């Protein structure tokens, strides 16, 4: 299992295979996560597919589509 898959699973607290809005917000404001620069850089790099220092809409969509297939989300 990839590090990104582990991250997604750790956010999915109700274990339904989907990250709902509340789970996403909780992850975003978790003080332990927000204070770890390495973790934040890893998360950013996971979405910055072309490594240009920016996350474009298409990159975000690509990641979400990839994980919707991994977790059988529609």
N, C-alpha and C. Protein backbone atom coordinates (compact mmCIF):
# COMPACT_ATOMS: atom_id res chain seq x y z
N UNK A 1 0.86 -1.18 0.00
CA UNK A 1 0.00 0.00 0.00
C UNK A 1 0.89 1.23 0.00
N UNK A 2 0.59 2.18 -0.86
CA UNK A 2 1.39 3.39 -0.97
C UNK A 2 1.16 4.30 0.24
N UNK A 3 2.10 5.24 0.43
CA UNK A 3 1.95 6.21 1.53
C UNK A 3 0.69 7.04 1.35
N UNK A 4 0.37 7.38 0.11
CA UNK A 4 -0.83 8.17 -0.14
C UNK A 4 -2.08 7.37 0.20
N UNK A 5 -2.08 6.08 -0.11
CA UNK A 5 -3.22 5.23 0.25
C UNK A 5 -3.38 5.17 1.77
N UNK A 6 -2.25 5.07 2.48
CA UNK A 6 -2.30 5.05 3.95
C UNK A 6 -2.86 6.35 4.48
N UNK A 7 -2.47 7.46 3.86
CA UNK A 7 -2.98 8.76 4.27
C UNK A 7 -4.49 8.83 4.08
N UNK A 8 -4.95 8.40 2.92
CA UNK A 8 -6.39 8.42 2.64
C UNK A 8 -7.14 7.56 3.65
N UNK A 9 -6.62 6.38 3.92
CA UNK A 9 -7.27 5.49 4.89
C UNK A 9 -7.28 6.10 6.29
N UNK A 10 -6.24 6.83 6.65
CA UNK A 10 -6.21 7.44 7.98
C UNK A 10 -7.23 8.58 8.10
N UNK A 11 -7.55 9.22 6.99
CA UNK A 11 -8.54 10.30 7.00
C UNK A 11 -9.96 9.74 7.04
N UNK A 12 -10.17 8.58 6.43
CA UNK A 12 -11.49 7.96 6.34
C UNK A 12 -11.85 7.31 7.68
N UNK A 13 -12.25 8.13 8.64
CA UNK A 13 -12.46 7.65 10.00
C UNK A 13 -13.66 6.72 10.15
N UNK A 14 -14.66 6.84 9.30
CA UNK A 14 -15.81 5.93 9.41
C UNK A 14 -15.64 4.68 8.54
N UNK A 15 -14.50 4.58 7.87
CA UNK A 15 -14.11 3.40 7.08
C UNK A 15 -15.15 2.99 6.03
N UNK A 16 -15.77 3.99 5.39
CA UNK A 16 -16.73 3.69 4.34
C UNK A 16 -16.12 3.77 2.94
N UNK A 17 -14.80 3.98 2.87
CA UNK A 17 -14.13 4.05 1.58
C UNK A 17 -14.21 5.41 0.92
N UNK A 18 -14.76 6.38 1.62
CA UNK A 18 -14.91 7.73 1.07
C UNK A 18 -14.46 8.74 2.12
N UNK A 19 -13.93 9.86 1.66
CA UNK A 19 -13.59 10.95 2.57
C UNK A 19 -14.69 11.99 2.45
N UNK A 20 -15.47 12.12 3.52
CA UNK A 20 -16.54 13.11 3.48
C UNK A 20 -15.99 14.48 3.91
N UNK A 21 -16.83 15.46 3.80
CA UNK A 21 -16.42 16.83 4.07
C UNK A 21 -15.89 16.99 5.50
N UNK A 22 -16.58 16.41 6.47
CA UNK A 22 -16.15 16.54 7.87
C UNK A 22 -14.80 15.87 8.11
N UNK A 23 -14.57 14.72 7.50
CA UNK A 23 -13.29 14.04 7.64
C UNK A 23 -12.18 14.88 7.01
N UNK A 24 -12.46 15.47 5.86
CA UNK A 24 -11.48 16.30 5.18
C UNK A 24 -11.13 17.52 6.04
N UNK A 25 -12.15 18.18 6.60
CA UNK A 25 -11.90 19.34 7.45
C UNK A 25 -11.12 18.97 8.70
N UNK A 26 -11.47 17.85 9.31
CA UNK A 26 -10.76 17.41 10.51
C UNK A 26 -9.28 17.20 10.20
N UNK A 27 -8.98 16.60 9.07
CA UNK A 27 -7.60 16.39 8.68
C UNK A 27 -6.89 17.72 8.46
N UNK A 28 -7.58 18.65 7.86
CA UNK A 28 -6.96 19.94 7.55
C UNK A 28 -6.60 20.74 8.80
N UNK A 29 -7.37 20.58 9.86
CA UNK A 29 -7.12 21.40 11.04
C UNK A 29 -6.42 20.64 12.16
N UNK A 30 -6.10 19.37 11.94
CA UNK A 30 -5.41 18.58 12.95
C UNK A 30 -4.06 19.23 13.25
N UNK A 31 -3.88 19.67 14.47
CA UNK A 31 -2.68 20.42 14.85
C UNK A 31 -1.40 19.62 14.65
N UNK A 32 -1.45 18.32 14.94
CA UNK A 32 -0.24 17.51 14.79
C UNK A 32 0.18 17.44 13.33
N UNK A 33 -0.77 17.30 12.45
CA UNK A 33 -0.47 17.24 11.03
C UNK A 33 0.00 18.60 10.54
N UNK A 34 -0.70 19.64 10.93
CA UNK A 34 -0.38 20.98 10.44
C UNK A 34 0.98 21.46 10.92
N UNK A 35 1.49 20.93 12.02
CA UNK A 35 2.77 21.39 12.54
C UNK A 35 3.95 20.59 11.99
N UNK A 36 3.70 19.59 11.18
CA UNK A 36 4.77 18.75 10.64
C UNK A 36 5.06 19.15 9.20
N UNK A 37 6.13 19.88 9.00
CA UNK A 37 6.49 20.39 7.68
C UNK A 37 6.71 19.27 6.67
N UNK A 38 7.34 18.18 7.09
CA UNK A 38 7.59 17.06 6.18
C UNK A 38 6.29 16.44 5.70
N UNK A 39 5.34 16.30 6.59
CA UNK A 39 4.05 15.72 6.24
C UNK A 39 3.32 16.63 5.25
N UNK A 40 3.34 17.92 5.52
CA UNK A 40 2.68 18.88 4.62
C UNK A 40 3.34 18.88 3.24
N UNK A 41 4.66 18.80 3.21
CA UNK A 41 5.36 18.78 1.92
C UNK A 41 5.03 17.51 1.16
N UNK A 42 4.96 16.37 1.84
CA UNK A 42 4.59 15.11 1.21
C UNK A 42 3.18 15.21 0.62
N UNK A 43 2.25 15.74 1.41
CA UNK A 43 0.87 15.86 0.94
C UNK A 43 0.80 16.76 -0.29
N UNK A 44 1.48 17.90 -0.24
CA UNK A 44 1.49 18.81 -1.38
C UNK A 44 2.10 18.13 -2.61
N UNK A 45 3.23 17.49 -2.43
CA UNK A 45 3.90 16.84 -3.56
C UNK A 45 3.05 15.73 -4.17
N UNK A 46 2.21 15.10 -3.36
CA UNK A 46 1.34 14.04 -3.86
C UNK A 46 0.32 14.59 -4.86
N UNK A 47 -0.05 15.85 -4.72
CA UNK A 47 -1.01 16.47 -5.63
C UNK A 47 -0.34 17.25 -6.75
N UNK A 48 0.88 17.70 -6.54
CA UNK A 48 1.61 18.48 -7.55
C UNK A 48 2.29 17.51 -8.51
N UNK A 49 1.51 16.91 -9.39
CA UNK A 49 1.98 15.83 -10.25
C UNK A 49 3.07 16.25 -11.22
N UNK A 50 3.02 17.48 -11.72
CA UNK A 50 4.04 17.92 -12.68
C UNK A 50 5.19 18.67 -12.00
N UNK A 51 5.18 18.71 -10.69
CA UNK A 51 6.26 19.29 -9.87
C UNK A 51 6.59 20.74 -10.23
N UNK A 52 5.54 21.52 -10.54
CA UNK A 52 5.79 22.93 -10.86
C UNK A 52 5.55 23.86 -9.67
N UNK A 53 5.28 23.28 -8.50
CA UNK A 53 5.07 24.09 -7.30
C UNK A 53 3.65 24.59 -7.15
N UNK A 54 2.75 24.13 -8.00
CA UNK A 54 1.34 24.54 -7.96
C UNK A 54 0.47 23.31 -8.16
N UNK A 55 -0.71 23.33 -7.57
CA UNK A 55 -1.66 22.24 -7.79
C UNK A 55 -2.78 22.76 -8.69
N UNK A 56 -2.78 22.28 -9.92
CA UNK A 56 -3.82 22.68 -10.86
C UNK A 56 -5.05 21.80 -10.68
N UNK A 57 -6.16 22.30 -11.14
CA UNK A 57 -7.43 21.59 -11.07
C UNK A 57 -7.33 20.19 -11.69
N UNK A 58 -6.65 20.08 -12.82
CA UNK A 58 -6.53 18.79 -13.50
C UNK A 58 -5.73 17.78 -12.68
N UNK A 59 -4.70 18.27 -11.97
CA UNK A 59 -3.92 17.38 -11.11
C UNK A 59 -4.80 16.86 -9.98
N UNK A 60 -5.56 17.74 -9.39
CA UNK A 60 -6.45 17.35 -8.29
C UNK A 60 -7.48 16.33 -8.79
N UNK A 61 -8.05 16.58 -9.95
CA UNK A 61 -9.02 15.65 -10.52
C UNK A 61 -8.39 14.30 -10.81
N UNK A 62 -7.16 14.30 -11.31
CA UNK A 62 -6.47 13.05 -11.61
C UNK A 62 -6.28 12.21 -10.35
N UNK A 63 -5.84 12.85 -9.28
CA UNK A 63 -5.65 12.14 -8.01
C UNK A 63 -6.98 11.60 -7.49
N UNK A 64 -8.01 12.42 -7.50
CA UNK A 64 -9.31 11.97 -7.00
C UNK A 64 -9.87 10.82 -7.83
N UNK A 65 -9.71 10.89 -9.14
CA UNK A 65 -10.18 9.80 -10.00
C UNK A 65 -9.41 8.52 -9.70
N UNK A 66 -8.11 8.65 -9.48
CA UNK A 66 -7.28 7.49 -9.18
C UNK A 66 -7.75 6.81 -7.90
N UNK A 67 -8.03 7.58 -6.87
CA UNK A 67 -8.44 6.99 -5.60
C UNK A 67 -9.89 6.55 -5.60
N UNK A 68 -10.71 7.13 -6.44
CA UNK A 68 -12.09 6.64 -6.52
C UNK A 68 -12.10 5.22 -7.07
N UNK A 69 -11.16 4.91 -7.96
CA UNK A 69 -11.04 3.56 -8.49
C UNK A 69 -10.49 2.62 -7.43
N UNK A 70 -9.47 3.07 -6.67
CA UNK A 70 -8.87 2.22 -5.63
C UNK A 70 -9.87 1.85 -4.54
N UNK A 71 -10.78 2.76 -4.23
CA UNK A 71 -11.71 2.53 -3.13
C UNK A 71 -13.12 2.26 -3.59
N UNK A 72 -13.30 1.96 -4.89
CA UNK A 72 -14.60 1.65 -5.48
C UNK A 72 -15.63 2.74 -5.20
N UNK A 73 -15.23 3.99 -5.31
CA UNK A 73 -16.14 5.12 -5.12
C UNK A 73 -16.70 5.53 -6.46
N UNK A 74 -17.91 5.95 -6.47
CA UNK A 74 -18.52 6.44 -7.72
C UNK A 74 -18.81 7.91 -7.62
